[in-house]
Amino acid sequence: MTARTLKSLTFGGVVFGLVATAVTTSATPGSEVSYLRFNRAVALPGVELAAGTYLFELALPLSELSLVRVSSRDRKKVYLTAFTDAITRPSALSRDAMVTFGEARAGSAPPITAWFPEGANNGRQFIYR
């Protein structure tokens, strides 16, 4: 693991404590559907999400494609559908952490770098360009 990756994970853990006040899921562990609640704005590629609860799920769960969809809690509004990279949960990341964050400028929403469904050893890394 590179020093930069370790630094990002450490920073992400700190931001996680500040941003994600509650994480809940309505599905069974490993189902790759999560409801995530944030107490402040967060960012995803091309979109900023206001504080609130959002549904993270695999858009095509039975496919080889790693399409992640992020929508409103009631699924009426889709904020993001994007290809992601499959990744393994870093050993330094606690089992109850469902997202990791990257660095952001002061006053900017921290970017979500990866999503790990509850109980999963594998997750999805968002691709920022």
N, C-alpha and C. Protein backbone atom coordinates (compact mmCIF):
# COMPACT_ATOMS: atom_id res chain seq x y z
N MET A 1 0.85 -1.17 0.00
CA MET A 1 0.00 0.00 0.00
C MET A 1 0.90 1.23 0.00
N THR A 2 0.65 2.16 -0.88
CA THR A 2 1.49 3.34 -0.97
C THR A 2 1.16 4.30 0.16
N ALA A 3 2.11 5.19 0.44
CA ALA A 3 1.91 6.18 1.50
C ALA A 3 0.72 7.08 1.18
N ARG A 4 0.55 7.41 -0.10
CA ARG A 4 -0.57 8.28 -0.50
C ARG A 4 -1.91 7.59 -0.25
N THR A 5 -1.99 6.29 -0.59
CA THR A 5 -3.22 5.55 -0.37
C THR A 5 -3.54 5.47 1.12
N LEU A 6 -2.53 5.18 1.93
CA LEU A 6 -2.72 5.10 3.37
C LEU A 6 -3.16 6.44 3.93
N LYS A 7 -2.55 7.52 3.43
CA LYS A 7 -2.92 8.86 3.88
C LYS A 7 -4.38 9.15 3.51
N SER A 8 -4.78 8.78 2.30
CA SER A 8 -6.16 9.00 1.86
C SER A 8 -7.14 8.21 2.71
N LEU A 9 -6.80 6.96 3.02
CA LEU A 9 -7.68 6.14 3.86
C LEU A 9 -7.80 6.72 5.25
N THR A 10 -6.67 7.19 5.80
CA THR A 10 -6.69 7.79 7.13
C THR A 10 -7.55 9.04 7.11
N PHE A 11 -7.32 9.92 6.12
CA PHE A 11 -8.13 11.13 5.99
C PHE A 11 -9.59 10.77 5.79
N GLY A 12 -9.85 9.77 4.96
CA GLY A 12 -11.21 9.35 4.70
C GLY A 12 -11.92 8.88 5.97
N GLY A 13 -11.19 8.19 6.82
CA GLY A 13 -11.78 7.74 8.08
C GLY A 13 -12.14 8.89 8.98
N VAL A 14 -11.29 9.91 9.01
CA VAL A 14 -11.57 11.10 9.81
C VAL A 14 -12.79 11.82 9.26
N VAL A 15 -12.84 12.02 7.96
CA VAL A 15 -13.97 12.71 7.35
C VAL A 15 -15.24 11.88 7.53
N PHE A 16 -15.12 10.56 7.44
CA PHE A 16 -16.29 9.70 7.63
C PHE A 16 -16.94 9.99 8.97
N GLY A 17 -16.13 10.14 10.01
CA GLY A 17 -16.65 10.43 11.34
C GLY A 17 -17.36 11.77 11.40
N LEU A 18 -16.93 12.70 10.58
CA LEU A 18 -17.52 14.03 10.59
C LEU A 18 -18.75 14.13 9.70
N VAL A 19 -18.82 13.37 8.63
CA VAL A 19 -19.85 13.55 7.61
C VAL A 19 -20.99 12.57 7.74
N ALA A 20 -20.71 11.31 7.85
CA ALA A 20 -21.76 10.30 7.87
C ALA A 20 -22.19 10.05 9.30
N THR A 21 -23.25 10.72 9.72
CA THR A 21 -23.70 10.58 11.09
C THR A 21 -24.45 9.28 11.33
N ALA A 22 -25.08 8.79 10.30
CA ALA A 22 -25.81 7.53 10.45
C ALA A 22 -25.81 6.81 9.11
N VAL A 23 -25.60 5.53 9.19
CA VAL A 23 -25.64 4.71 7.99
C VAL A 23 -26.61 3.59 8.29
N THR A 24 -27.61 3.45 7.45
CA THR A 24 -28.58 2.38 7.65
C THR A 24 -28.75 1.64 6.35
N THR A 25 -29.24 0.45 6.46
CA THR A 25 -29.54 -0.33 5.27
C THR A 25 -30.86 -1.05 5.49
N SER A 26 -31.61 -1.20 4.42
CA SER A 26 -32.88 -1.91 4.54
C SER A 26 -32.76 -3.31 3.96
N ALA A 27 -31.58 -3.64 3.51
CA ALA A 27 -31.38 -4.94 2.89
C ALA A 27 -30.46 -5.79 3.77
N THR A 28 -30.35 -7.04 3.45
CA THR A 28 -29.49 -7.92 4.21
C THR A 28 -28.04 -7.67 3.85
N PRO A 29 -27.10 -7.98 4.77
CA PRO A 29 -25.68 -7.77 4.47
C PRO A 29 -25.29 -8.45 3.17
N GLY A 30 -24.47 -7.75 2.39
CA GLY A 30 -23.98 -8.30 1.14
C GLY A 30 -24.94 -8.12 -0.03
N SER A 31 -26.08 -7.47 0.18
CA SER A 31 -27.06 -7.35 -0.89
C SER A 31 -26.72 -6.25 -1.89
N GLU A 32 -25.77 -5.43 -1.59
CA GLU A 32 -25.32 -4.35 -2.46
C GLU A 32 -26.40 -3.32 -2.72
N VAL A 33 -27.18 -3.05 -1.68
CA VAL A 33 -28.13 -1.95 -1.64
C VAL A 33 -27.98 -1.30 -0.27
N SER A 34 -27.74 0.01 -0.25
CA SER A 34 -27.53 0.71 1.02
C SER A 34 -28.24 2.04 1.03
N TYR A 35 -28.82 2.38 2.16
CA TYR A 35 -29.34 3.72 2.39
C TYR A 35 -28.30 4.42 3.26
N LEU A 36 -27.78 5.53 2.76
CA LEU A 36 -26.75 6.27 3.48
C LEU A 36 -27.26 7.66 3.79
N ARG A 37 -27.08 8.09 5.04
CA ARG A 37 -27.52 9.42 5.46
C ARG A 37 -26.30 10.26 5.81
N PHE A 38 -26.23 11.45 5.24
CA PHE A 38 -25.12 12.36 5.47
C PHE A 38 -25.64 13.63 6.15
N ASN A 39 -24.85 14.15 7.09
CA ASN A 39 -25.29 15.35 7.79
C ASN A 39 -24.78 16.63 7.14
N ARG A 40 -24.07 16.50 6.03
CA ARG A 40 -23.63 17.66 5.25
C ARG A 40 -23.45 17.21 3.80
N ALA A 41 -23.22 18.18 2.93
CA ALA A 41 -23.07 17.87 1.51
C ALA A 41 -21.86 16.97 1.27
N VAL A 42 -22.00 16.08 0.29
CA VAL A 42 -20.92 15.22 -0.18
C VAL A 42 -20.94 15.25 -1.70
N ALA A 43 -19.85 14.82 -2.31
CA ALA A 43 -19.77 14.86 -3.77
C ALA A 43 -19.54 13.48 -4.35
N LEU A 44 -20.03 13.32 -5.57
CA LEU A 44 -19.78 12.16 -6.41
C LEU A 44 -19.36 12.71 -7.77
N PRO A 45 -18.82 11.90 -8.66
CA PRO A 45 -18.39 12.43 -9.96
C PRO A 45 -19.51 13.22 -10.66
N GLY A 46 -19.29 14.51 -10.82
CA GLY A 46 -20.22 15.36 -11.55
C GLY A 46 -21.45 15.83 -10.80
N VAL A 47 -21.57 15.50 -9.52
CA VAL A 47 -22.77 15.90 -8.77
C VAL A 47 -22.42 16.12 -7.29
N GLU A 48 -23.11 17.09 -6.70
CA GLU A 48 -22.99 17.31 -5.25
C GLU A 48 -24.33 16.96 -4.63
N LEU A 49 -24.29 16.18 -3.57
CA LEU A 49 -25.50 15.77 -2.87
C LEU A 49 -25.63 16.59 -1.60
N ALA A 50 -26.78 17.19 -1.37
CA ALA A 50 -27.04 17.93 -0.14
C ALA A 50 -27.16 16.94 1.01
N ALA A 51 -27.10 17.44 2.23
CA ALA A 51 -27.31 16.58 3.39
C ALA A 51 -28.63 15.85 3.22
N GLY A 52 -28.66 14.58 3.58
CA GLY A 52 -29.88 13.80 3.45
C GLY A 52 -29.59 12.33 3.31
N THR A 53 -30.61 11.56 2.97
CA THR A 53 -30.50 10.11 2.82
C THR A 53 -30.59 9.74 1.35
N TYR A 54 -29.69 8.86 0.93
CA TYR A 54 -29.61 8.45 -0.47
C TYR A 54 -29.50 6.94 -0.57
N LEU A 55 -30.00 6.40 -1.66
CA LEU A 55 -29.93 4.97 -1.93
C LEU A 55 -28.75 4.71 -2.87
N PHE A 56 -27.83 3.87 -2.46
CA PHE A 56 -26.69 3.42 -3.27
C PHE A 56 -26.98 1.97 -3.63
N GLU A 57 -26.89 1.64 -4.93
CA GLU A 57 -27.14 0.26 -5.34
C GLU A 57 -26.44 -0.04 -6.65
N LEU A 58 -26.23 -1.34 -6.89
CA LEU A 58 -25.74 -1.75 -8.20
C LEU A 58 -26.91 -1.64 -9.16
N ALA A 59 -26.69 -0.95 -10.27
CA ALA A 59 -27.77 -0.75 -11.24
C ALA A 59 -28.13 -2.06 -11.94
N LEU A 60 -27.14 -2.91 -12.20
CA LEU A 60 -27.36 -4.20 -12.85
C LEU A 60 -26.67 -5.28 -12.02
N PRO A 61 -27.28 -5.69 -10.91
CA PRO A 61 -26.60 -6.58 -9.97
C PRO A 61 -26.21 -7.95 -10.52
N LEU A 62 -26.88 -8.44 -11.53
CA LEU A 62 -26.56 -9.76 -12.07
C LEU A 62 -25.62 -9.69 -13.27
N SER A 63 -25.09 -8.51 -13.53
CA SER A 63 -24.22 -8.27 -14.67
C SER A 63 -22.76 -8.17 -14.22
N GLU A 64 -21.86 -8.29 -15.16
CA GLU A 64 -20.44 -8.08 -14.88
C GLU A 64 -20.10 -6.59 -14.80
N LEU A 65 -21.02 -5.75 -15.25
CA LEU A 65 -20.78 -4.31 -15.23
C LEU A 65 -20.87 -3.79 -13.80
N SER A 66 -20.00 -2.86 -13.48
CA SER A 66 -19.99 -2.26 -12.15
C SER A 66 -20.67 -0.90 -12.18
N LEU A 67 -21.92 -0.88 -12.62
CA LEU A 67 -22.69 0.35 -12.66
C LEU A 67 -23.32 0.59 -11.29
N VAL A 68 -23.02 1.74 -10.71
CA VAL A 68 -23.62 2.12 -9.43
C VAL A 68 -24.61 3.24 -9.69
N ARG A 69 -25.78 3.11 -9.07
CA ARG A 69 -26.80 4.15 -9.16
C ARG A 69 -27.00 4.74 -7.77
N VAL A 70 -27.05 6.06 -7.71
CA VAL A 70 -27.33 6.77 -6.47
C VAL A 70 -28.59 7.57 -6.71
N SER A 71 -29.60 7.32 -5.88
CA SER A 71 -30.88 7.99 -6.07
C SER A 71 -31.43 8.48 -4.74
N SER A 72 -32.55 9.20 -4.84
CA SER A 72 -33.23 9.65 -3.63
C SER A 72 -33.74 8.43 -2.87
N ARG A 73 -34.03 8.64 -1.63
CA ARG A 73 -34.49 7.54 -0.78
C ARG A 73 -35.70 6.82 -1.38
N ASP A 74 -36.60 7.58 -2.01
CA ASP A 74 -37.81 6.99 -2.60
C ASP A 74 -37.61 6.53 -4.05
N ARG A 75 -36.39 6.65 -4.57
CA ARG A 75 -36.00 6.23 -5.91
C ARG A 75 -36.65 7.07 -7.03
N LYS A 76 -37.24 8.19 -6.69
CA LYS A 76 -37.89 9.03 -7.71
C LYS A 76 -36.89 9.87 -8.48
N LYS A 77 -35.75 10.20 -7.90
CA LYS A 77 -34.75 11.02 -8.57
C LYS A 77 -33.41 10.29 -8.56
N VAL A 78 -32.82 10.11 -9.73
CA VAL A 78 -31.50 9.49 -9.85
C VAL A 78 -30.47 10.60 -9.97
N TYR A 79 -29.48 10.58 -9.09
CA TYR A 79 -28.44 11.60 -9.08
C TYR A 79 -27.20 11.17 -9.87
N LEU A 80 -26.97 9.87 -9.91
CA LEU A 80 -25.77 9.37 -10.58
C LEU A 80 -25.98 7.92 -10.99
N THR A 81 -25.60 7.62 -12.21
CA THR A 81 -25.43 6.23 -12.66
C THR A 81 -24.08 6.24 -13.35
N ALA A 82 -23.13 5.50 -12.79
CA ALA A 82 -21.76 5.60 -13.30
C ALA A 82 -21.05 4.26 -13.21
N PHE A 83 -20.14 4.05 -14.16
CA PHE A 83 -19.25 2.89 -14.08
C PHE A 83 -18.29 3.11 -12.92
N THR A 84 -17.95 2.04 -12.24
CA THR A 84 -17.03 2.09 -11.12
C THR A 84 -16.02 0.96 -11.28
N ASP A 85 -14.99 1.02 -10.48
CA ASP A 85 -14.00 -0.06 -10.44
C ASP A 85 -14.26 -0.91 -9.21
N ALA A 86 -14.27 -2.23 -9.39
CA ALA A 86 -14.40 -3.14 -8.26
C ALA A 86 -13.11 -3.11 -7.45
N ILE A 87 -13.24 -2.99 -6.14
CA ILE A 87 -12.07 -2.96 -5.26
C ILE A 87 -12.32 -3.83 -4.04
N THR A 88 -11.25 -4.20 -3.39
CA THR A 88 -11.30 -4.97 -2.15
C THR A 88 -11.24 -3.99 -0.98
N ARG A 89 -12.02 -4.26 0.06
CA ARG A 89 -12.00 -3.41 1.25
C ARG A 89 -10.59 -3.39 1.83
N PRO A 90 -10.01 -2.21 2.02
CA PRO A 90 -8.68 -2.13 2.63
C PRO A 90 -8.71 -2.69 4.05
N SER A 91 -7.68 -3.38 4.44
CA SER A 91 -7.64 -3.99 5.77
C SER A 91 -7.70 -2.95 6.88
N ALA A 92 -7.25 -1.72 6.61
CA ALA A 92 -7.26 -0.66 7.62
C ALA A 92 -8.64 -0.02 7.79
N LEU A 93 -9.57 -0.32 6.90
CA LEU A 93 -10.91 0.28 6.94
C LEU A 93 -11.82 -0.55 7.84
N SER A 94 -12.47 0.09 8.79
CA SER A 94 -13.32 -0.64 9.73
C SER A 94 -14.47 -1.32 8.98
N ARG A 95 -14.95 -2.41 9.52
CA ARG A 95 -16.00 -3.21 8.87
C ARG A 95 -17.32 -2.46 8.77
N ASP A 96 -17.55 -1.49 9.65
CA ASP A 96 -18.81 -0.76 9.60
C ASP A 96 -18.76 0.48 8.70
N ALA A 97 -17.60 0.82 8.17
CA ALA A 97 -17.48 1.95 7.25
C ALA A 97 -18.03 1.54 5.89
N MET A 98 -18.99 2.30 5.38
CA MET A 98 -19.60 1.95 4.10
C MET A 98 -19.15 2.85 2.97
N VAL A 99 -18.50 3.96 3.28
CA VAL A 99 -17.94 4.84 2.26
C VAL A 99 -16.59 5.35 2.72
N THR A 100 -15.78 5.73 1.74
CA THR A 100 -14.53 6.42 2.04
C THR A 100 -14.58 7.76 1.31
N PHE A 101 -13.83 8.71 1.83
CA PHE A 101 -13.82 10.05 1.28
C PHE A 101 -12.43 10.46 0.85
N GLY A 102 -12.36 11.31 -0.15
CA GLY A 102 -11.10 11.90 -0.58
C GLY A 102 -10.95 13.29 0.01
N GLU A 103 -9.87 13.92 -0.35
CA GLU A 103 -9.61 15.26 0.14
C GLU A 103 -10.42 16.29 -0.64
N ALA A 104 -10.77 17.38 0.04
CA ALA A 104 -11.52 18.47 -0.59
C ALA A 104 -10.97 19.79 -0.08
N ARG A 105 -11.08 20.81 -0.91
CA ARG A 105 -10.69 22.14 -0.48
C ARG A 105 -11.60 22.58 0.65
N ALA A 106 -11.12 23.49 1.49
CA ALA A 106 -11.93 24.03 2.58
C ALA A 106 -13.23 24.59 2.02
N GLY A 107 -14.34 24.27 2.63
CA GLY A 107 -15.63 24.75 2.19
C GLY A 107 -16.27 23.95 1.08
N SER A 108 -15.55 22.97 0.53
CA SER A 108 -16.10 22.13 -0.54
C SER A 108 -16.60 20.81 0.03
N ALA A 109 -17.54 20.21 -0.66
CA ALA A 109 -18.06 18.91 -0.24
C ALA A 109 -17.01 17.85 -0.47
N PRO A 110 -16.74 16.99 0.53
CA PRO A 110 -15.76 15.93 0.33
C PRO A 110 -16.27 14.89 -0.67
N PRO A 111 -15.40 14.45 -1.59
CA PRO A 111 -15.83 13.46 -2.58
C PRO A 111 -15.85 12.05 -1.98
N ILE A 112 -16.91 11.32 -2.28
CA ILE A 112 -16.97 9.91 -1.90
C ILE A 112 -16.09 9.17 -2.89
N THR A 113 -15.08 8.47 -2.41
CA THR A 113 -14.17 7.76 -3.31
C THR A 113 -14.60 6.31 -3.52
N ALA A 114 -15.25 5.71 -2.53
CA ALA A 114 -15.65 4.31 -2.67
C ALA A 114 -16.86 4.02 -1.80
N TRP A 115 -17.63 3.04 -2.23
CA TRP A 115 -18.79 2.56 -1.48
C TRP A 115 -18.62 1.06 -1.25
N PHE A 116 -18.84 0.64 0.00
CA PHE A 116 -18.76 -0.76 0.38
C PHE A 116 -20.12 -1.17 0.97
N PRO A 117 -20.88 -2.00 0.27
CA PRO A 117 -22.16 -2.45 0.83
C PRO A 117 -21.95 -3.12 2.19
N GLU A 118 -22.95 -3.04 3.02
CA GLU A 118 -22.86 -3.58 4.37
C GLU A 118 -22.41 -5.05 4.35
N GLY A 119 -21.39 -5.34 5.13
CA GLY A 119 -20.90 -6.70 5.26
C GLY A 119 -20.06 -7.22 4.11
N ALA A 120 -19.85 -6.39 3.09
CA ALA A 120 -19.12 -6.84 1.90
C ALA A 120 -17.62 -6.62 2.03
N ASN A 121 -16.86 -7.57 1.52
CA ASN A 121 -15.41 -7.42 1.46
C ASN A 121 -14.98 -6.64 0.22
N ASN A 122 -15.88 -6.55 -0.75
CA ASN A 122 -15.60 -5.83 -1.98
C ASN A 122 -16.49 -4.62 -2.09
N GLY A 123 -16.01 -3.62 -2.79
CA GLY A 123 -16.79 -2.40 -2.96
C GLY A 123 -16.62 -1.85 -4.35
N ARG A 124 -17.06 -0.64 -4.54
CA ARG A 124 -17.00 0.04 -5.83
C ARG A 124 -16.31 1.38 -5.66
N GLN A 125 -15.28 1.61 -6.43
CA GLN A 125 -14.53 2.87 -6.39
C GLN A 125 -15.04 3.77 -7.52
N PHE A 126 -15.43 4.99 -7.14
CA PHE A 126 -15.94 5.95 -8.12
C PHE A 126 -14.78 6.49 -8.94
N ILE A 127 -15.03 6.74 -10.22
CA ILE A 127 -14.00 7.20 -11.14
C ILE A 127 -14.16 8.69 -11.36
N TYR A 128 -13.17 9.45 -10.92
CA TYR A 128 -13.17 10.90 -11.09
C TYR A 128 -12.19 11.22 -12.21
N ARG A 129 -12.56 12.12 -13.10
CA ARG A 129 -11.68 12.52 -14.19
C ARG A 129 -11.33 13.96 -14.06
